[in-house]
Amino acid sequence: MCQRDSYRFILAGVAVSLITACGSKAPEPDATSIIETGPPQSEIGLQDVVSRTRVNHDLIALGAVVASKDGVVDLAVDGLRAKGASNPVRVEDKWHIGSNTKALTALLYARLVEEGLTDWGATMPDLFPELSDEMDPAWRTTTIEDLFAHRSGFKQMGGFWLNARRNDERPVSAQRAEAARNVLTQPPSKTQGAFDYNNLNYIVAGAAIGSILSSQDGLPNTWEAAMQVLIFDRLEDESARTGFGYGPPPEGLEGHRNTFGVFVSSAGRGATADNPEVLGPAGTLHASLEAHANLALEFLKDDSALVPVSVREKLFQPYPEETSGYAMGWGVYDDPKYGRLYLHSGSNTLWLSRITIAPALDRVVIVNANQFSDAAQTAIESVSAQLLDEALLESSPQ
């Protein structure tokens, strides 16, 4: 897939199982749609930008944060925690980030490499030695990079399998291990090496991470626990360390359903308010804006202990070649205004989150909505562009 096509796809708010189950499709904006600009943020302030944009697009809630290497620059939220509710969204509320989880799963694997527990270039037999005898020969040269860059050739998951996981009472690690076994013992149904965005890649990667951890003493033995111990707990800011969680936020904001594109209703907090837990490594994290920004800005720091320069370069490198347009959980786009951008969108069809890292501007920009719609996507693109424009203005010679 060419770089521009990959960029368009990542901006589409790649949704996970609920899209498959409901049969809807995420919109695909043109790559230039991020350049929908408004007044520079410095003229009217981020709070005004967020409030005005939310009202103009008739959204329930909208939030944005911008950060640099030095920390959070500004943060603003506007709207209600749920449609028809009386309590407004608060800055500390947590938002579902969907497929933006993928970059953090790739970071977790990178941390295991740094600890000497695994390697880049590890093949499926390396990662799943217990499956070696029954593994289809076609997978023997497939690497962990192929999974993170969506080039494995795995088949897409079906709605029946996804919905069945809601009633699966086995440990989620066992469910991920079974998913890996099911796909790796069958021949490929897609073209290996071709870009084909698929959450199963990250479920299998999560199974591999779980397998690596289970053989080590003194380390957490699940993807969920390892994310907390090896990623979140290593952030300097205490609120960031406690600012992440799994599934729908347990309090505060709620996601919302669109029925026939007309009726919008809150999704609540039950089992149907997110994808089944088995999809965790592909996209079930929630985070406060501040916590997400504080983690993301580690990708900007040259002295980061969590994301050393060598790790950043590996995770940001387009795969398998420079023009591929997708790296290890990041879309890559060379923007004529902002320079190279690393970005991703995530949605479970109840929320929408966009993260953009612009190293040339020393900026992390995250914009979220607690609903998934064309209007939400347009609003998020507008705010993202205004924040990048403001950073560009600040970086220009006076």
Foldseek 3Di string as FASTA:
>chain_A
DFQQVLLQVQLQADADLVCQQVVHDGDGDGNCLLQPEDPFCVVPHLQCLQAVLCVVLVFQKKKKWKAFLVATPDIYMFHPQFPPDDHIFDLLDKAFFFQLLQLLLLLLVVLCVVVVLDDFQQFPCNLCVVCVVQFDPLRRRPTLFCLLQQQALFDADHNVVQVVLLVDPDPLLVVLVVLLNVRRNDDHPGHHRDHDDHLNSQLVSQNSQLSSQVVDPPADRGPQRSSLPLQLVPQPDPSLSVFKDFAAPPDGHFFWAQDVNPDIGTPDRDSVSATRCSSVSRTGMMGRNRNVQSRVNLLQDCPRPSQHPVNSCQQPQDPPHNRNQGGRSWGWDQDPQQGIKTKGWHDNQRKIKIWIDRNVLSMIMIMIGRHRDPSSSSSRSHSSNSVSVNSSVVPDDD
